[in-house]
Amino acid sequence: MTDSPLNCPQCNNIGATKVNFTFWGGLIGPKIMKQVRCIACGQNFNGQTGKPITAGTIIGYSAAVLGICIIPIMMIFLVI
């Protein structure tokens, strides 16, 4: 089953399946990033843009999530 109309950026194969869980994004990260995995070579990439999911992408995503989660908590403690 192909979940992405784009070719794999690594091997140019058209077959890709949705990624449901990753260690860095849990259940939500792959859905936000539209992450799919190539059936032939295993490369993870964005199913809409065709760009590979790199370490920089993961770090940026993680920093944004941490910022969104930590800043409101810090605001609560600063007000108290």
N, C-alpha and C. Protein backbone atom coordinates (compact mmCIF):
# COMPACT_ATOMS: atom_id res chain seq x y z
N MET A 1 0.84 -1.18 0.00
CA MET A 1 0.00 0.00 0.00
C MET A 1 0.88 1.24 0.00
N THR A 2 0.58 2.17 -0.85
CA THR A 2 1.35 3.39 -0.94
C THR A 2 0.60 4.52 -0.25
N ASP A 3 1.23 5.15 0.75
CA ASP A 3 0.62 6.24 1.48
C ASP A 3 1.18 7.59 1.07
N SER A 4 2.10 7.62 0.13
CA SER A 4 2.70 8.86 -0.33
C SER A 4 2.79 8.84 -1.86
N PRO A 5 2.37 9.93 -2.50
CA PRO A 5 2.49 9.98 -3.96
C PRO A 5 3.90 10.30 -4.44
N LEU A 6 4.80 10.59 -3.51
CA LEU A 6 6.16 11.01 -3.86
C LEU A 6 7.12 9.83 -3.88
N ASN A 7 8.15 9.95 -4.68
CA ASN A 7 9.21 8.95 -4.71
C ASN A 7 10.14 9.13 -3.52
N CYS A 8 10.76 8.05 -3.08
CA CYS A 8 11.74 8.09 -1.99
C CYS A 8 12.92 8.96 -2.43
N PRO A 9 13.40 9.86 -1.56
CA PRO A 9 14.54 10.69 -1.93
C PRO A 9 15.86 9.93 -2.01
N GLN A 10 15.91 8.73 -1.44
CA GLN A 10 17.15 7.96 -1.43
C GLN A 10 17.22 6.97 -2.60
N CYS A 11 16.16 6.18 -2.81
CA CYS A 11 16.22 5.13 -3.84
C CYS A 11 15.26 5.35 -5.00
N ASN A 12 14.43 6.39 -4.94
CA ASN A 12 13.49 6.75 -6.00
C ASN A 12 12.33 5.76 -6.14
N ASN A 13 12.11 4.91 -5.14
CA ASN A 13 10.99 3.97 -5.15
C ASN A 13 9.70 4.71 -4.82
N ILE A 14 8.59 4.31 -5.41
CA ILE A 14 7.31 4.99 -5.17
C ILE A 14 6.57 4.43 -3.95
N GLY A 15 6.89 3.23 -3.48
CA GLY A 15 6.17 2.61 -2.37
C GLY A 15 6.59 3.12 -1.01
N ALA A 16 5.63 3.62 -0.22
CA ALA A 16 5.92 4.10 1.13
C ALA A 16 4.71 3.83 2.02
N THR A 17 4.96 3.59 3.30
CA THR A 17 3.89 3.37 4.27
C THR A 17 3.99 4.40 5.39
N LYS A 18 2.85 4.70 6.01
CA LYS A 18 2.82 5.66 7.11
C LYS A 18 3.60 5.12 8.30
N VAL A 19 4.26 6.02 9.01
CA VAL A 19 4.94 5.68 10.26
C VAL A 19 3.99 6.07 11.38
N ASN A 20 3.70 5.14 12.28
CA ASN A 20 2.75 5.39 13.37
C ASN A 20 3.41 5.79 14.67
N PHE A 21 4.68 5.42 14.88
CA PHE A 21 5.35 5.71 16.15
C PHE A 21 6.84 5.86 15.91
N THR A 22 7.46 6.84 16.60
CA THR A 22 8.92 6.99 16.59
C THR A 22 9.38 7.26 18.02
N PHE A 23 10.66 6.99 18.30
CA PHE A 23 11.18 7.23 19.65
C PHE A 23 11.25 8.71 19.97
N TRP A 24 11.40 9.57 18.97
CA TRP A 24 11.52 11.01 19.21
C TRP A 24 10.19 11.74 19.21
N GLY A 25 9.19 11.19 18.56
CA GLY A 25 7.92 11.90 18.47
C GLY A 25 6.73 11.15 19.02
N GLY A 26 6.98 9.93 19.49
CA GLY A 26 5.89 9.12 20.03
C GLY A 26 4.84 8.86 18.97
N LEU A 27 3.59 9.05 19.34
CA LEU A 27 2.49 8.85 18.41
C LEU A 27 2.14 10.11 17.62
N ILE A 28 2.48 11.27 18.17
CA ILE A 28 2.09 12.54 17.55
C ILE A 28 3.09 13.02 16.51
N GLY A 29 4.38 12.86 16.76
CA GLY A 29 5.42 13.38 15.87
C GLY A 29 5.28 12.96 14.42
N PRO A 30 5.13 11.66 14.13
CA PRO A 30 5.00 11.25 12.72
C PRO A 30 3.76 11.81 12.03
N LYS A 31 2.70 12.05 12.79
CA LYS A 31 1.49 12.62 12.19
C LYS A 31 1.71 14.10 11.85
N ILE A 32 2.38 14.82 12.73
CA ILE A 32 2.66 16.23 12.47
C ILE A 32 3.61 16.38 11.28
N MET A 33 4.62 15.52 11.23
CA MET A 33 5.63 15.60 10.17
C MET A 33 5.19 14.90 8.89
N LYS A 34 4.02 14.26 8.89
CA LYS A 34 3.54 13.48 7.73
C LYS A 34 4.57 12.45 7.30
N GLN A 35 5.15 11.78 8.29
CA GLN A 35 6.27 10.87 8.05
C GLN A 35 5.83 9.56 7.44
N VAL A 36 6.54 9.15 6.38
CA VAL A 36 6.34 7.85 5.74
C VAL A 36 7.69 7.16 5.62
N ARG A 37 7.66 5.82 5.45
CA ARG A 37 8.89 5.03 5.33
C ARG A 37 8.86 4.28 4.00
N CYS A 38 9.97 4.37 3.27
CA CYS A 38 10.11 3.68 1.99
C CYS A 38 10.10 2.18 2.23
N ILE A 39 9.33 1.46 1.42
CA ILE A 39 9.25 0.01 1.55
C ILE A 39 10.56 -0.65 1.13
N ALA A 40 11.22 -0.09 0.12
CA ALA A 40 12.42 -0.72 -0.44
C ALA A 40 13.67 -0.52 0.42
N CYS A 41 13.94 0.74 0.84
CA CYS A 41 15.21 1.01 1.53
C CYS A 41 15.06 1.40 3.00
N GLY A 42 13.83 1.71 3.45
CA GLY A 42 13.62 2.06 4.85
C GLY A 42 13.85 3.52 5.19
N GLN A 43 14.12 4.36 4.20
CA GLN A 43 14.35 5.80 4.43
C GLN A 43 13.05 6.44 4.90
N ASN A 44 13.12 7.24 5.97
CA ASN A 44 11.98 8.01 6.44
C ASN A 44 12.00 9.37 5.76
N PHE A 45 10.82 9.81 5.29
CA PHE A 45 10.74 11.13 4.67
C PHE A 45 9.34 11.70 4.82
N ASN A 46 9.22 13.00 4.59
CA ASN A 46 7.95 13.70 4.69
C ASN A 46 7.11 13.31 3.47
N GLY A 47 5.92 12.79 3.70
CA GLY A 47 5.06 12.32 2.62
C GLY A 47 4.48 13.42 1.76
N GLN A 48 4.52 14.67 2.22
CA GLN A 48 4.00 15.78 1.43
C GLN A 48 5.08 16.49 0.63
N THR A 49 6.25 16.69 1.25
CA THR A 49 7.31 17.44 0.58
C THR A 49 8.33 16.54 -0.10
N GLY A 50 8.46 15.30 0.37
CA GLY A 50 9.46 14.39 -0.17
C GLY A 50 10.84 14.57 0.43
N LYS A 51 10.97 15.49 1.40
CA LYS A 51 12.28 15.72 2.03
C LYS A 51 12.52 14.68 3.11
N PRO A 52 13.77 14.20 3.23
CA PRO A 52 14.07 13.22 4.28
C PRO A 52 13.94 13.81 5.68
N ILE A 53 13.57 12.96 6.63
CA ILE A 53 13.51 13.36 8.04
C ILE A 53 14.93 13.23 8.58
N THR A 54 15.57 14.37 8.87
CA THR A 54 16.97 14.38 9.31
C THR A 54 17.07 14.66 10.81
N ALA A 55 18.28 14.56 11.33
CA ALA A 55 18.51 14.86 12.75
C ALA A 55 18.14 16.31 13.05
N GLY A 56 18.43 17.21 12.14
CA GLY A 56 18.07 18.63 12.34
C GLY A 56 16.57 18.82 12.45
N THR A 57 15.82 18.09 11.64
CA THR A 57 14.36 18.15 11.70
C THR A 57 13.87 17.66 13.05
N ILE A 58 14.44 16.56 13.52
CA ILE A 58 14.04 15.99 14.81
C ILE A 58 14.38 16.94 15.95
N ILE A 59 15.57 17.54 15.92
CA ILE A 59 15.98 18.47 16.97
C ILE A 59 15.07 19.69 16.98
N GLY A 60 14.77 20.22 15.82
CA GLY A 60 13.88 21.38 15.73
C GLY A 60 12.49 21.06 16.26
N TYR A 61 11.95 19.92 15.88
CA TYR A 61 10.64 19.49 16.35
C TYR A 61 10.66 19.33 17.87
N SER A 62 11.68 18.67 18.40
CA SER A 62 11.78 18.42 19.84
C SER A 62 11.90 19.72 20.62
N ALA A 63 12.69 20.67 20.10
CA ALA A 63 12.84 21.96 20.77
C ALA A 63 11.51 22.72 20.80
N ALA A 64 10.77 22.66 19.71
CA ALA A 64 9.48 23.35 19.66
C ALA A 64 8.50 22.74 20.65
N VAL A 65 8.46 21.42 20.71
CA VAL A 65 7.54 20.74 21.64
C VAL A 65 7.93 21.05 23.08
N LEU A 66 9.21 21.00 23.39
CA LEU A 66 9.65 21.31 24.75
C LEU A 66 9.32 22.76 25.11
N GLY A 67 9.52 23.67 24.16
CA GLY A 67 9.20 25.07 24.41
C GLY A 67 7.72 25.28 24.67
N ILE A 68 6.90 24.61 23.90
CA ILE A 68 5.45 24.74 24.06
C ILE A 68 5.01 24.15 25.40
N CYS A 69 5.65 23.10 25.85
CA CYS A 69 5.27 22.45 27.10
C CYS A 69 5.86 23.12 28.34
N ILE A 70 7.10 23.58 28.25
CA ILE A 70 7.80 24.09 29.43
C ILE A 70 7.45 25.54 29.73
N ILE A 71 7.30 26.38 28.72
CA ILE A 71 7.05 27.80 28.95
C ILE A 71 5.76 28.03 29.76
N PRO A 72 4.64 27.39 29.42
CA PRO A 72 3.44 27.61 30.27
C PRO A 72 3.64 27.15 31.71
N ILE A 73 4.35 26.07 31.92
CA ILE A 73 4.60 25.59 33.29
C ILE A 73 5.46 26.60 34.05
N MET A 74 6.46 27.13 33.38
CA MET A 74 7.32 28.14 34.04
C MET A 74 6.51 29.39 34.37
N MET A 75 5.60 29.78 33.50
CA MET A 75 4.77 30.96 33.74
C MET A 75 3.91 30.76 34.98
N ILE A 76 3.41 29.55 35.18
CA ILE A 76 2.57 29.27 36.35
C ILE A 76 3.39 29.45 37.63
N PHE A 77 4.64 28.93 37.63
CA PHE A 77 5.46 29.04 38.83
C PHE A 77 5.95 30.46 39.06
N LEU A 78 6.13 31.24 38.03
CA LEU A 78 6.56 32.64 38.19
C LEU A 78 5.44 33.49 38.77
N VAL A 79 4.21 33.15 38.48
CA VAL A 79 3.08 33.92 38.99
C VAL A 79 2.84 33.63 40.47
N ILE A 80 3.14 32.41 40.88
CA ILE A 80 2.89 32.01 42.29
C ILE A 80 3.81 32.68 43.23
